[in-house]
């Protein structure tokens, strides 16, 4: 299996508004060249519940950190 790595800036890693879960979901989002197909798929891949992933996505969108289908925040 191919391993993909993603870098998060120091600013994001130290961001006190983000939980560890938020950072993992954000890294998952940034690590994909295309927008992932479903919250369910992301949750299964990350070992989280869909509600946890949805909560993080909502938060990341409010903070302007979420990359959407077009690849833009």
N, C-alpha and C. Protein backbone atom coordinates (compact mmCIF):
# COMPACT_ATOMS: atom_id res chain seq x y z
N UNK A 1 0.83 -1.19 0.00
CA UNK A 1 0.00 0.00 0.00
C UNK A 1 0.88 1.24 0.00
N UNK A 2 0.55 2.17 -0.89
CA UNK A 2 1.30 3.42 -0.99
C UNK A 2 0.98 4.31 0.22
N UNK A 3 2.03 4.89 0.78
CA UNK A 3 1.84 5.81 1.90
C UNK A 3 1.92 7.24 1.39
N UNK A 4 0.97 8.03 1.81
CA UNK A 4 0.96 9.45 1.50
C UNK A 4 1.23 10.22 2.78
N UNK A 5 1.99 11.28 2.64
CA UNK A 5 2.30 12.13 3.79
C UNK A 5 1.80 13.53 3.49
N UNK A 6 1.39 14.22 4.52
CA UNK A 6 0.94 15.59 4.37
C UNK A 6 1.62 16.42 5.44
N UNK A 7 1.97 17.63 5.08
CA UNK A 7 2.59 18.55 6.04
C UNK A 7 1.55 19.55 6.52
N UNK A 8 1.53 19.74 7.82
CA UNK A 8 0.73 20.82 8.39
C UNK A 8 1.71 21.87 8.89
N UNK A 9 1.39 23.12 8.67
CA UNK A 9 2.28 24.18 9.12
C UNK A 9 2.33 24.23 10.64
N UNK A 10 3.39 24.80 11.16
CA UNK A 10 3.51 24.98 12.61
C UNK A 10 2.34 25.78 13.14
N UNK A 11 1.89 26.74 12.35
CA UNK A 11 0.77 27.58 12.76
C UNK A 11 -0.48 26.72 12.99
N UNK A 12 -0.75 25.79 12.07
CA UNK A 12 -1.90 24.91 12.24
C UNK A 12 -1.71 23.95 13.41
N UNK A 13 -0.52 23.42 13.54
CA UNK A 13 -0.26 22.47 14.62
C UNK A 13 -0.41 23.12 15.99
N UNK A 14 -0.10 24.39 16.08
CA UNK A 14 -0.18 25.11 17.37
C UNK A 14 -1.51 25.82 17.58
N UNK A 15 -2.38 25.76 16.59
CA UNK A 15 -3.66 26.45 16.65
C UNK A 15 -4.51 25.90 17.80
N UNK A 16 -4.73 26.71 18.80
CA UNK A 16 -5.46 26.28 19.99
C UNK A 16 -6.96 26.14 19.75
N UNK A 17 -7.44 26.63 18.60
CA UNK A 17 -8.85 26.49 18.25
C UNK A 17 -9.15 25.11 17.66
N UNK A 18 -8.09 24.36 17.32
CA UNK A 18 -8.27 23.06 16.70
C UNK A 18 -7.92 21.94 17.67
N UNK A 19 -8.79 20.94 17.72
CA UNK A 19 -8.50 19.76 18.51
C UNK A 19 -7.59 18.84 17.69
N UNK A 20 -7.07 17.83 18.33
CA UNK A 20 -6.26 16.84 17.60
C UNK A 20 -7.10 16.18 16.50
N UNK A 21 -8.35 15.93 16.79
CA UNK A 21 -9.25 15.34 15.80
C UNK A 21 -9.41 16.28 14.60
N UNK A 22 -9.60 17.57 14.85
CA UNK A 22 -9.71 18.54 13.76
C UNK A 22 -8.47 18.51 12.88
N UNK A 23 -7.32 18.42 13.49
CA UNK A 23 -6.05 18.41 12.74
C UNK A 23 -5.92 17.16 11.88
N UNK A 24 -6.38 16.02 12.41
CA UNK A 24 -6.34 14.78 11.64
C UNK A 24 -7.28 14.85 10.45
N UNK A 25 -8.49 15.36 10.67
CA UNK A 25 -9.46 15.49 9.58
C UNK A 25 -8.94 16.49 8.54
N UNK A 26 -8.35 17.58 8.99
CA UNK A 26 -7.78 18.56 8.07
C UNK A 26 -6.65 17.95 7.26
N UNK A 27 -5.78 17.20 7.90
CA UNK A 27 -4.67 16.56 7.19
C UNK A 27 -5.21 15.57 6.15
N UNK A 28 -6.26 14.87 6.49
CA UNK A 28 -6.89 13.94 5.54
C UNK A 28 -7.40 14.71 4.33
N UNK A 29 -8.05 15.83 4.57
CA UNK A 29 -8.57 16.66 3.49
C UNK A 29 -7.45 17.20 2.61
N UNK A 30 -6.40 17.71 3.22
CA UNK A 30 -5.29 18.29 2.47
C UNK A 30 -4.45 17.24 1.75
N UNK A 31 -4.49 16.01 2.25
CA UNK A 31 -3.69 14.94 1.68
C UNK A 31 -4.28 14.28 0.46
N UNK A 32 -5.46 14.71 0.06
CA UNK A 32 -6.11 14.12 -1.11
C UNK A 32 -6.13 15.12 -2.26
N UNK A 33 -5.72 14.65 -3.42
CA UNK A 33 -5.73 15.53 -4.59
C UNK A 33 -7.14 15.88 -5.00
N UNK A 34 -8.06 14.99 -4.71
CA UNK A 34 -9.46 15.26 -5.01
C UNK A 34 -10.24 15.20 -3.71
N UNK A 35 -11.33 15.91 -3.68
CA UNK A 35 -12.21 15.95 -2.52
C UNK A 35 -12.70 14.54 -2.23
N UNK A 36 -12.64 14.10 -0.98
CA UNK A 36 -13.07 12.72 -0.71
C UNK A 36 -14.57 12.57 -0.89
N UNK A 37 -14.94 11.37 -1.32
CA UNK A 37 -16.30 11.10 -1.77
C UNK A 37 -17.37 11.23 -0.69
N UNK A 38 -17.06 10.83 0.52
CA UNK A 38 -18.10 10.89 1.54
C UNK A 38 -17.50 11.02 2.94
N UNK A 39 -18.31 11.55 3.81
CA UNK A 39 -17.93 11.65 5.21
C UNK A 39 -17.78 10.26 5.79
N UNK A 40 -18.64 9.35 5.35
CA UNK A 40 -18.58 7.97 5.83
C UNK A 40 -17.24 7.33 5.48
N UNK A 41 -16.79 7.54 4.26
CA UNK A 41 -15.50 6.98 3.83
C UNK A 41 -14.36 7.57 4.67
N UNK A 42 -14.40 8.86 4.87
CA UNK A 42 -13.36 9.52 5.68
C UNK A 42 -13.38 8.96 7.10
N UNK A 43 -14.57 8.83 7.67
CA UNK A 43 -14.70 8.32 9.04
C UNK A 43 -14.14 6.90 9.15
N UNK A 44 -14.47 6.06 8.18
CA UNK A 44 -13.97 4.68 8.20
C UNK A 44 -12.45 4.66 8.07
N UNK A 45 -11.92 5.47 7.18
CA UNK A 45 -10.47 5.53 6.96
C UNK A 45 -9.75 6.02 8.21
N UNK A 46 -10.32 7.00 8.88
CA UNK A 46 -9.68 7.62 10.04
C UNK A 46 -10.02 6.93 11.36
N UNK A 47 -10.93 5.96 11.32
CA UNK A 47 -11.32 5.26 12.54
C UNK A 47 -12.14 6.13 13.48
N UNK A 48 -12.99 6.98 12.88
CA UNK A 48 -13.84 7.88 13.66
C UNK A 48 -15.29 7.67 13.27
N UNK A 49 -16.19 8.24 14.05
CA UNK A 49 -17.60 8.19 13.68
C UNK A 49 -17.88 9.28 12.66
N UNK A 50 -18.95 9.10 11.88
CA UNK A 50 -19.30 10.13 10.90
C UNK A 50 -19.67 11.44 11.60
N UNK A 51 -20.29 11.36 12.76
CA UNK A 51 -20.66 12.60 13.46
C UNK A 51 -19.42 13.37 13.91
N UNK A 52 -18.38 12.67 14.31
CA UNK A 52 -17.13 13.33 14.70
C UNK A 52 -16.50 14.03 13.51
N UNK A 53 -16.46 13.34 12.37
CA UNK A 53 -15.88 13.93 11.16
C UNK A 53 -16.71 15.13 10.71
N UNK A 54 -18.04 15.00 10.72
CA UNK A 54 -18.92 16.11 10.33
C UNK A 54 -18.71 17.33 11.22
N UNK A 55 -18.57 17.09 12.52
CA UNK A 55 -18.36 18.18 13.47
C UNK A 55 -17.05 18.92 13.15
N UNK A 56 -16.00 18.17 12.87
CA UNK A 56 -14.71 18.79 12.53
C UNK A 56 -14.80 19.55 11.21
N UNK A 57 -15.46 18.97 10.22
CA UNK A 57 -15.60 19.64 8.92
C UNK A 57 -16.34 20.97 9.10
N UNK A 58 -17.42 20.96 9.86
CA UNK A 58 -18.18 22.19 10.10
C UNK A 58 -17.28 23.25 10.74
N UNK A 59 -16.52 22.86 11.72
CA UNK A 59 -15.61 23.78 12.41
C UNK A 59 -14.54 24.31 11.45
N UNK A 60 -13.94 23.41 10.67
CA UNK A 60 -12.89 23.80 9.74
C UNK A 60 -13.42 24.74 8.65
N UNK A 61 -14.66 24.52 8.23
CA UNK A 61 -15.28 25.42 7.25
C UNK A 61 -15.45 26.82 7.84
N UNK A 62 -15.93 26.88 9.08
CA UNK A 62 -16.12 28.18 9.75
C UNK A 62 -14.81 28.94 9.89
N UNK A 63 -13.71 28.20 10.06
CA UNK A 63 -12.40 28.82 10.21
C UNK A 63 -11.72 29.08 8.86
N UNK A 64 -12.39 28.69 7.77
CA UNK A 64 -11.84 28.91 6.43
C UNK A 64 -10.68 27.99 6.08
N UNK A 65 -10.61 26.84 6.74
CA UNK A 65 -9.50 25.91 6.52
C UNK A 65 -9.87 24.72 5.64
N UNK A 66 -11.15 24.53 5.39
CA UNK A 66 -11.60 23.34 4.66
C UNK A 66 -11.51 23.56 3.15
N UNK A 67 -10.86 22.61 2.47
CA UNK A 67 -10.76 22.66 1.00
C UNK A 67 -11.97 21.92 0.43
N UNK A 68 -12.73 22.59 -0.42
CA UNK A 68 -13.94 22.00 -0.97
C UNK A 68 -13.67 21.24 -2.27
N UNK A 69 -14.74 20.86 -2.94
CA UNK A 69 -14.65 20.07 -4.17
C UNK A 69 -13.76 20.72 -5.23
N UNK A 70 -13.72 22.04 -5.27
CA UNK A 70 -12.93 22.75 -6.28
C UNK A 70 -11.46 22.85 -5.88
N UNK A 71 -11.13 22.40 -4.67
CA UNK A 71 -9.76 22.47 -4.21
C UNK A 71 -9.42 23.76 -3.49
N UNK A 72 -10.43 24.58 -3.25
CA UNK A 72 -10.21 25.89 -2.61
C UNK A 72 -10.84 25.92 -1.23
N UNK A 73 -10.25 26.72 -0.33
CA UNK A 73 -10.84 26.87 1.02
C UNK A 73 -12.17 27.60 0.97
